[in-house]
Amino acid sequence: TAVTKLLENLLVKTEPSPSQAVSCSSCTTCVVTET
């Protein structure tokens, strides 16, 4: 779901905004927990 939010940003035609940002900590939490 976090990766999907990143990919969604590629397809949105608007300028980048803070609402499109994905937190690095959420991705890190998922990766470390999965490992």
ModelCIF file with pLDDT and N, C-alpha, C, O atoms, coordinates in Angstrom:
data_MODEL
#
_entry.id   MODEL 
#
_entity.id                         1 
_entity.type                       polymer 
_entity.pdbx_number_of_molecules   1 
#
_entity_poly.entity_id                      1 
_entity_poly.type                           'polypeptide(L)' 
_entity_poly.nstd_linkage                   no 
_entity_poly.nstd_monomer                   no 
_entity_poly.pdbx_seq_one_letter_code       TAVTKLLENLLVKTEPSPSQAVSCSSCTTCVVTET 
_entity_poly.pdbx_seq_one_letter_code_can   TAVTKLLENLLVKTEPSPSQAVSCSSCTTCVVTET 
_entity_poly.pdbx_strand_id                 A 
#
loop_
_entity_poly_seq.entity_id 
_entity_poly_seq.num 
_entity_poly_seq.mon_id 
_entity_poly_seq.hetero 
1 1  THR n 
1 2  ALA n 
1 3  VAL n 
1 4  THR n 
1 5  LYS n 
1 6  LEU n 
1 7  LEU n 
1 8  GLU n 
1 9  ASN n 
1 10 LEU n 
1 11 LEU n 
1 12 VAL n 
1 13 LYS n 
1 14 THR n 
1 15 GLU n 
1 16 PRO n 
1 17 SER n 
1 18 PRO n 
1 19 SER n 
1 20 GLN n 
1 21 ALA n 
1 22 VAL n 
1 23 SER n 
1 24 CYS n 
1 25 SER n 
1 26 SER n 
1 27 CYS n 
1 28 THR n 
1 29 THR n 
1 30 CYS n 
1 31 VAL n 
1 32 VAL n 
1 33 THR n 
1 34 GLU n 
1 35 THR n 
#
_struct_asym.id          A 
_struct_asym.entity_id   1 
#
loop_
_ma_qa_metric.id 
_ma_qa_metric.mode 
_ma_qa_metric.name 
_ma_qa_metric.software_group_id 
_ma_qa_metric.type 
1 global pLDDT . pLDDT 
2 local  pLDDT . pLDDT 
#
_ma_qa_metric_global.metric_id      1 
_ma_qa_metric_global.metric_value   72.37 
_ma_qa_metric_global.model_id       1 
_ma_qa_metric_global.ordinal_id     1 
#
loop_
_ma_qa_metric_local.label_asym_id 
_ma_qa_metric_local.label_comp_id 
_ma_qa_metric_local.label_seq_id 
_ma_qa_metric_local.metric_id 
_ma_qa_metric_local.metric_value 
_ma_qa_metric_local.model_id 
_ma_qa_metric_local.ordinal_id 
A THR 1  2 83.00 1 1  
A ALA 2  2 78.00 1 2  
A VAL 3  2 75.00 1 3  
A THR 4  2 77.00 1 4  
A LYS 5  2 74.00 1 5  
A LEU 6  2 70.00 1 6  
A LEU 7  2 70.00 1 7  
A GLU 8  2 70.00 1 8  
A ASN 9  2 66.00 1 9  
A LEU 10 2 63.00 1 10 
A LEU 11 2 66.00 1 11 
A VAL 12 2 61.00 1 12 
A LYS 13 2 55.00 1 13 
A THR 14 2 57.00 1 14 
A GLU 15 2 60.00 1 15 
A PRO 16 2 57.00 1 16 
A SER 17 2 59.00 1 17 
A PRO 18 2 59.00 1 18 
A SER 19 2 58.00 1 19 
A GLN 20 2 58.00 1 20 
A ALA 21 2 63.00 1 21 
A VAL 22 2 67.00 1 22 
A SER 23 2 70.00 1 23 
A CYS 24 2 74.00 1 24 
A SER 25 2 76.00 1 25 
A SER 26 2 78.00 1 26 
A CYS 27 2 79.00 1 27 
A THR 28 2 82.00 1 28 
A THR 29 2 86.00 1 29 
A CYS 30 2 87.00 1 30 
A VAL 31 2 88.00 1 31 
A VAL 32 2 90.00 1 32 
A THR 33 2 92.00 1 33 
A GLU 34 2 92.00 1 34 
A THR 35 2 93.00 1 35 
#
loop_
_atom_site.group_PDB 
_atom_site.id 
_atom_site.type_symbol 
_atom_site.label_atom_id 
_atom_site.label_alt_id 
_atom_site.label_comp_id 
_atom_site.label_asym_id 
_atom_site.label_entity_id 
_atom_site.label_seq_id 
_atom_site.pdbx_PDB_ins_code 
_atom_site.Cartn_x 
_atom_site.Cartn_y 
_atom_site.Cartn_z 
_atom_site.occupancy 
_atom_site.B_iso_or_equiv 
_atom_site.pdbx_formal_charge 
_atom_site.auth_seq_id 
_atom_site.auth_comp_id 
_atom_site.auth_asym_id 
_atom_site.auth_atom_id 
_atom_site.pdbx_PDB_model_num 
ATOM 1   N N  . THR A 1 1  ? 0.833  -1.199  0.000   1.00 83.00 ? 1  THR A N  1 
ATOM 2   C CA . THR A 1 1  ? 0.000  0.000   0.000   1.00 83.00 ? 1  THR A CA 1 
ATOM 3   C C  . THR A 1 1  ? 0.870  1.253   0.000   1.00 83.00 ? 1  THR A C  1 
ATOM 4   O O  . THR A 1 1  ? 0.548  2.229   -0.677  1.00 83.00 ? 1  THR A O  1 
ATOM 5   N N  . ALA A 1 2  ? 1.967  1.235   0.751   1.00 78.00 ? 2  ALA A N  1 
ATOM 6   C CA . ALA A 1 2  ? 2.889  2.381   0.753   1.00 78.00 ? 2  ALA A CA 1 
ATOM 7   C C  . ALA A 1 2  ? 3.535  2.557   -0.620  1.00 78.00 ? 2  ALA A C  1 
ATOM 8   O O  . ALA A 1 2  ? 3.667  3.680   -1.109  1.00 78.00 ? 2  ALA A O  1 
ATOM 9   N N  . VAL A 1 3  ? 3.935  1.453   -1.239  1.00 75.00 ? 3  VAL A N  1 
ATOM 10  C CA . VAL A 1 3  ? 4.531  1.528   -2.570  1.00 75.00 ? 3  VAL A CA 1 
ATOM 11  C C  . VAL A 1 3  ? 3.489  2.000   -3.582  1.00 75.00 ? 3  VAL A C  1 
ATOM 12  O O  . VAL A 1 3  ? 3.816  2.738   -4.512  1.00 75.00 ? 3  VAL A O  1 
ATOM 13  N N  . THR A 1 4  ? 2.255  1.583   -3.409  1.00 77.00 ? 4  THR A N  1 
ATOM 14  C CA . THR A 1 4  ? 1.184  2.011   -4.300  1.00 77.00 ? 4  THR A CA 1 
ATOM 15  C C  . THR A 1 4  ? 0.977  3.518   -4.217  1.00 77.00 ? 4  THR A C  1 
ATOM 16  O O  . THR A 1 4  ? 0.710  4.170   -5.226  1.00 77.00 ? 4  THR A O  1 
ATOM 17  N N  . LYS A 1 5  ? 1.102  4.064   -3.019  1.00 74.00 ? 5  LYS A N  1 
ATOM 18  C CA . LYS A 1 5  ? 0.982  5.521   -2.874  1.00 74.00 ? 5  LYS A CA 1 
ATOM 19  C C  . LYS A 1 5  ? 2.092  6.215   -3.657  1.00 74.00 ? 5  LYS A C  1 
ATOM 20  O O  . LYS A 1 5  ? 1.859  7.259   -4.268  1.00 74.00 ? 5  LYS A O  1 
ATOM 21  N N  . LEU A 1 6  ? 3.287  5.652   -3.645  1.00 70.00 ? 6  LEU A N  1 
ATOM 22  C CA . LEU A 1 6  ? 4.374  6.224   -4.442  1.00 70.00 ? 6  LEU A CA 1 
ATOM 23  C C  . LEU A 1 6  ? 4.072  6.138   -5.931  1.00 70.00 ? 6  LEU A C  1 
ATOM 24  O O  . LEU A 1 6  ? 4.286  7.100   -6.669  1.00 70.00 ? 6  LEU A O  1 
ATOM 25  N N  . LEU A 1 7  ? 3.577  4.988   -6.372  1.00 70.00 ? 7  LEU A N  1 
ATOM 26  C CA . LEU A 1 7  ? 3.267  4.826   -7.785  1.00 70.00 ? 7  LEU A CA 1 
ATOM 27  C C  . LEU A 1 7  ? 2.100  5.710   -8.212  1.00 70.00 ? 7  LEU A C  1 
ATOM 28  O O  . LEU A 1 7  ? 2.051  6.177   -9.350  1.00 70.00 ? 7  LEU A O  1 
ATOM 29  N N  . GLU A 1 8  ? 1.176  5.934   -7.307  1.00 70.00 ? 8  GLU A N  1 
ATOM 30  C CA . GLU A 1 8  ? 0.060  6.830   -7.606  1.00 70.00 ? 8  GLU A CA 1 
ATOM 31  C C  . GLU A 1 8  ? 0.577  8.237   -7.900  1.00 70.00 ? 8  GLU A C  1 
ATOM 32  O O  . GLU A 1 8  ? 0.034  8.936   -8.755  1.00 70.00 ? 8  GLU A O  1 
ATOM 33  N N  . ASN A 1 9  ? 1.618  8.644   -7.196  1.00 66.00 ? 9  ASN A N  1 
ATOM 34  C CA . ASN A 1 9  ? 2.200  9.959   -7.416  1.00 66.00 ? 9  ASN A CA 1 
ATOM 35  C C  . ASN A 1 9  ? 2.744  10.108  -8.835  1.00 66.00 ? 9  ASN A C  1 
ATOM 36  O O  . ASN A 1 9  ? 2.777  11.211  -9.381  1.00 66.00 ? 9  ASN A O  1 
ATOM 37  N N  . LEU A 1 10 ? 3.169  8.993   -9.427  1.00 63.00 ? 10 LEU A N  1 
ATOM 38  C CA . LEU A 1 10 ? 3.655  9.050   -10.802 1.00 63.00 ? 10 LEU A CA 1 
ATOM 39  C C  . LEU A 1 10 ? 2.533  9.340   -11.790 1.00 63.00 ? 10 LEU A C  1 
ATOM 40  O O  . LEU A 1 10 ? 2.766  9.924   -12.848 1.00 63.00 ? 10 LEU A O  1 
ATOM 41  N N  . LEU A 1 11 ? 1.333  8.937   -11.446 1.00 66.00 ? 11 LEU A N  1 
ATOM 42  C CA . LEU A 1 11 ? 0.220  9.045   -12.388 1.00 66.00 ? 11 LEU A CA 1 
ATOM 43  C C  . LEU A 1 11 ? -0.639 10.289  -12.187 1.00 66.00 ? 11 LEU A C  1 
ATOM 44  O O  . LEU A 1 11 ? -1.466 10.621  -13.036 1.00 66.00 ? 11 LEU A O  1 
ATOM 45  N N  . VAL A 1 12 ? -0.441 10.971  -11.069 1.00 61.00 ? 12 VAL A N  1 
ATOM 46  C CA . VAL A 1 12 ? -1.230 12.174  -10.789 1.00 61.00 ? 12 VAL A CA 1 
ATOM 47  C C  . VAL A 1 12 ? -0.655 13.327  -11.598 1.00 61.00 ? 12 VAL A C  1 
ATOM 48  O O  . VAL A 1 12 ? 0.562  13.497  -11.669 1.00 61.00 ? 12 VAL A O  1 
ATOM 49  N N  . LYS A 1 13 ? -1.526 14.113  -12.202 1.00 55.00 ? 13 LYS A N  1 
ATOM 50  C CA . LYS A 1 13 ? -1.072 15.185  -13.093 1.00 55.00 ? 13 LYS A CA 1 
ATOM 51  C C  . LYS A 1 13 ? -0.794 16.500  -12.376 1.00 55.00 ? 13 LYS A C  1 
ATOM 52  O O  . LYS A 1 13 ? -0.392 17.468  -13.022 1.00 55.00 ? 13 LYS A O  1 
ATOM 53  N N  . THR A 1 14 ? -0.992 16.566  -11.080 1.00 57.00 ? 14 THR A N  1 
ATOM 54  C CA . THR A 1 14 ? -0.765 17.806  -10.353 1.00 57.00 ? 14 THR A CA 1 
ATOM 55  C C  . THR A 1 14 ? 0.688  17.915  -9.917  1.00 57.00 ? 14 THR A C  1 
ATOM 56  O O  . THR A 1 14 ? 1.461  16.962  -10.026 1.00 57.00 ? 14 THR A O  1 
ATOM 57  N N  . GLU A 1 15 ? 1.037  19.077  -9.430  1.00 60.00 ? 15 GLU A N  1 
ATOM 58  C CA . GLU A 1 15 ? 2.381  19.296  -8.903  1.00 60.00 ? 15 GLU A CA 1 
ATOM 59  C C  . GLU A 1 15 ? 2.521  18.545  -7.580  1.00 60.00 ? 15 GLU A C  1 
ATOM 60  O O  . GLU A 1 15 ? 1.526  18.337  -6.885  1.00 60.00 ? 15 GLU A O  1 
ATOM 61  N N  . PRO A 1 16 ? 3.753  18.133  -7.218  1.00 57.00 ? 16 PRO A N  1 
ATOM 62  C CA . PRO A 1 16 ? 3.948  17.405  -5.964  1.00 57.00 ? 16 PRO A CA 1 
ATOM 63  C C  . PRO A 1 16 ? 3.528  18.251  -4.761  1.00 57.00 ? 16 PRO A C  1 
ATOM 64  O O  . PRO A 1 16 ? 3.767  19.458  -4.713  1.00 57.00 ? 16 PRO A O  1 
ATOM 65  N N  . SER A 1 17 ? 2.902  17.591  -3.805  1.00 59.00 ? 17 SER A N  1 
ATOM 66  C CA . SER A 1 17 ? 2.469  18.266  -2.587  1.00 59.00 ? 17 SER A CA 1 
ATOM 67  C C  . SER A 1 17 ? 2.777  17.374  -1.397  1.00 59.00 ? 17 SER A C  1 
ATOM 68  O O  . SER A 1 17 ? 3.034  16.182  -1.567  1.00 59.00 ? 17 SER A O  1 
ATOM 69  N N  . PRO A 1 18 ? 2.756  17.940  -0.186  1.00 59.00 ? 18 PRO A N  1 
ATOM 70  C CA . PRO A 1 18 ? 3.026  17.128  1.006   1.00 59.00 ? 18 PRO A CA 1 
ATOM 71  C C  . PRO A 1 18 ? 2.049  15.970  1.188   1.00 59.00 ? 18 PRO A C  1 
ATOM 72  O O  . PRO A 1 18 ? 2.400  14.965  1.807   1.00 59.00 ? 18 PRO A O  1 
ATOM 73  N N  . SER A 1 19 ? 0.824  16.092  0.660   1.00 58.00 ? 19 SER A N  1 
ATOM 74  C CA . SER A 1 19 ? -0.143 14.996  0.802   1.00 58.00 ? 19 SER A CA 1 
ATOM 75  C C  . SER A 1 19 ? 0.245  13.786  -0.044  1.00 58.00 ? 19 SER A C  1 
ATOM 76  O O  . SER A 1 19 ? -0.227 12.678  0.210   1.00 58.00 ? 19 SER A O  1 
ATOM 77  N N  . GLN A 1 20 ? 1.100  13.987  -1.045  1.00 58.00 ? 20 GLN A N  1 
ATOM 78  C CA . GLN A 1 20 ? 1.542  12.886  -1.891  1.00 58.00 ? 20 GLN A CA 1 
ATOM 79  C C  . GLN A 1 20 ? 2.797  12.213  -1.340  1.00 58.00 ? 20 GLN A C  1 
ATOM 80  O O  . GLN A 1 20 ? 3.224  11.179  -1.854  1.00 58.00 ? 20 GLN A O  1 
ATOM 81  N N  . ALA A 1 21 ? 3.380  12.786  -0.313  1.00 63.00 ? 21 ALA A N  1 
ATOM 82  C CA . ALA A 1 21 ? 4.631  12.262  0.226   1.00 63.00 ? 21 ALA A CA 1 
ATOM 83  C C  . ALA A 1 21 ? 4.381  10.968  1.002   1.00 63.00 ? 21 ALA A C  1 
ATOM 84  O O  . ALA A 1 21 ? 3.340  10.789  1.633   1.00 63.00 ? 21 ALA A O  1 
ATOM 85  N N  . VAL A 1 22 ? 5.349  10.090  0.935   1.00 67.00 ? 22 VAL A N  1 
ATOM 86  C CA . VAL A 1 22 ? 5.313  8.850   1.702   1.00 67.00 ? 22 VAL A CA 1 
ATOM 87  C C  . VAL A 1 22 ? 6.403  8.925   2.751   1.00 67.00 ? 22 VAL A C  1 
ATOM 88  O O  . VAL A 1 22 ? 7.550  9.245   2.439   1.00 67.00 ? 22 VAL A O  1 
ATOM 89  N N  . SER A 1 23 ? 6.059  8.637   3.972   1.00 70.00 ? 23 SER A N  1 
ATOM 90  C CA . SER A 1 23 ? 7.005  8.706   5.067   1.00 70.00 ? 23 SER A CA 1 
ATOM 91  C C  . SER A 1 23 ? 8.055  7.614   4.933   1.00 70.00 ? 23 SER A C  1 
ATOM 92  O O  . SER A 1 23 ? 7.734  6.451   4.688   1.00 70.00 ? 23 SER A O  1 
ATOM 93  N N  . CYS A 1 24 ? 9.301  8.000   5.095   1.00 74.00 ? 24 CYS A N  1 
ATOM 94  C CA . CYS A 1 24 ? 10.392 7.039   5.045   1.00 74.00 ? 24 CYS A CA 1 
ATOM 95  C C  . CYS A 1 24 ? 10.301 6.083   6.235   1.00 74.00 ? 24 CYS A C  1 
ATOM 96  O O  . CYS A 1 24 ? 10.667 4.913   6.121   1.00 74.00 ? 24 CYS A O  1 
ATOM 97  N N  . SER A 1 25 ? 9.815  6.578   7.372   1.00 76.00 ? 25 SER A N  1 
ATOM 98  C CA . SER A 1 25 ? 9.712  5.720   8.554   1.00 76.00 ? 25 SER A CA 1 
ATOM 99  C C  . SER A 1 25 ? 8.676  4.621   8.364   1.00 76.00 ? 25 SER A C  1 
ATOM 100 O O  . SER A 1 25 ? 8.865  3.511   8.862   1.00 76.00 ? 25 SER A O  1 
ATOM 101 N N  . SER A 1 26 ? 7.583  4.903   7.655   1.00 78.00 ? 26 SER A N  1 
ATOM 102 C CA . SER A 1 26 ? 6.582  3.853   7.435   1.00 78.00 ? 26 SER A CA 1 
ATOM 103 C C  . SER A 1 26 ? 7.143  2.750   6.541   1.00 78.00 ? 26 SER A C  1 
ATOM 104 O O  . SER A 1 26 ? 6.899  1.568   6.785   1.00 78.00 ? 26 SER A O  1 
ATOM 105 N N  . CYS A 1 27 ? 7.890  3.129   5.514   1.00 79.00 ? 27 CYS A N  1 
ATOM 106 C CA . CYS A 1 27 ? 8.507  2.116   4.649   1.00 79.00 ? 27 CYS A CA 1 
ATOM 107 C C  . CYS A 1 27 ? 9.559  1.315   5.409   1.00 79.00 ? 27 CYS A C  1 
ATOM 108 O O  . CYS A 1 27 ? 9.639  0.095   5.272   1.00 79.00 ? 27 CYS A O  1 
ATOM 109 N N  . THR A 1 28 ? 10.368 2.014   6.214   1.00 82.00 ? 28 THR A N  1 
ATOM 110 C CA . THR A 1 28 ? 11.399 1.338   6.999   1.00 82.00 ? 28 THR A CA 1 
ATOM 111 C C  . THR A 1 28 ? 10.772 0.391   8.008   1.00 82.00 ? 28 THR A C  1 
ATOM 112 O O  . THR A 1 28 ? 11.260 -0.724  8.195   1.00 82.00 ? 28 THR A O  1 
ATOM 113 N N  . THR A 1 29 ? 9.702  0.816   8.656   1.00 86.00 ? 29 THR A N  1 
ATOM 114 C CA . THR A 1 29 ? 9.011  -0.048  9.617   1.00 86.00 ? 29 THR A CA 1 
ATOM 115 C C  . THR A 1 29 ? 8.529  -1.323  8.938   1.00 86.00 ? 29 THR A C  1 
ATOM 116 O O  . THR A 1 29 ? 8.706  -2.417  9.475   1.00 86.00 ? 29 THR A O  1 
ATOM 117 N N  . CYS A 1 30 ? 7.926  -1.192  7.774   1.00 87.00 ? 30 CYS A N  1 
ATOM 118 C CA . CYS A 1 30 ? 7.422  -2.368  7.053   1.00 87.00 ? 30 CYS A CA 1 
ATOM 119 C C  . CYS A 1 30 ? 8.553  -3.301  6.648   1.00 87.00 ? 30 CYS A C  1 
ATOM 120 O O  . CYS A 1 30 ? 8.446  -4.517  6.809   1.00 87.00 ? 30 CYS A O  1 
ATOM 121 N N  . VAL A 1 31 ? 9.625  -2.743  6.127   1.00 88.00 ? 31 VAL A N  1 
ATOM 122 C CA . VAL A 1 31 ? 10.739 -3.575  5.656   1.00 88.00 ? 31 VAL A CA 1 
ATOM 123 C C  . VAL A 1 31 ? 11.396 -4.312  6.821   1.00 88.00 ? 31 VAL A C  1 
ATOM 124 O O  . VAL A 1 31 ? 11.658 -5.511  6.721   1.00 88.00 ? 31 VAL A O  1 
ATOM 125 N N  . VAL A 1 32 ? 11.664 -3.611  7.922   1.00 90.00 ? 32 VAL A N  1 
ATOM 126 C CA . VAL A 1 32 ? 12.327 -4.245  9.066   1.00 90.00 ? 32 VAL A CA 1 
ATOM 127 C C  . VAL A 1 32 ? 11.409 -5.276  9.707   1.00 90.00 ? 32 VAL A C  1 
ATOM 128 O O  . VAL A 1 32 ? 11.858 -6.362  10.074  1.00 90.00 ? 32 VAL A O  1 
ATOM 129 N N  . THR A 1 33 ? 10.135 -4.948  9.844   1.00 92.00 ? 33 THR A N  1 
ATOM 130 C CA . THR A 1 33 ? 9.186  -5.907  10.428  1.00 92.00 ? 33 THR A CA 1 
ATOM 131 C C  . THR A 1 33 ? 9.084  -7.153  9.560   1.00 92.00 ? 33 THR A C  1 
ATOM 132 O O  . THR A 1 33 ? 9.054  -8.271  10.076  1.00 92.00 ? 33 THR A O  1 
ATOM 133 N N  . GLU A 1 34 ? 9.031  -6.968  8.255   1.00 92.00 ? 34 GLU A N  1 
ATOM 134 C CA . GLU A 1 34 ? 8.957  -8.108  7.344   1.00 92.00 ? 34 GLU A CA 1 
ATOM 135 C C  . GLU A 1 34 ? 10.220 -8.968  7.447   1.00 92.00 ? 34 GLU A C  1 
ATOM 136 O O  . GLU A 1 34 ? 10.137 -10.196 7.449   1.00 92.00 ? 34 GLU A O  1 
ATOM 137 N N  . THR A 1 35 ? 11.363 -8.337  7.532   1.00 93.00 ? 35 THR A N  1 
ATOM 138 C CA . THR A 1 35 ? 12.626 -9.065  7.639   1.00 93.00 ? 35 THR A CA 1 
ATOM 139 C C  . THR A 1 35 ? 12.687 -9.881  8.924   1.00 93.00 ? 35 THR A C  1 
ATOM 140 O O  . THR A 1 35 ? 13.683 -10.559 9.178   1.00 93.00 ? 35 THR A O  1 
#
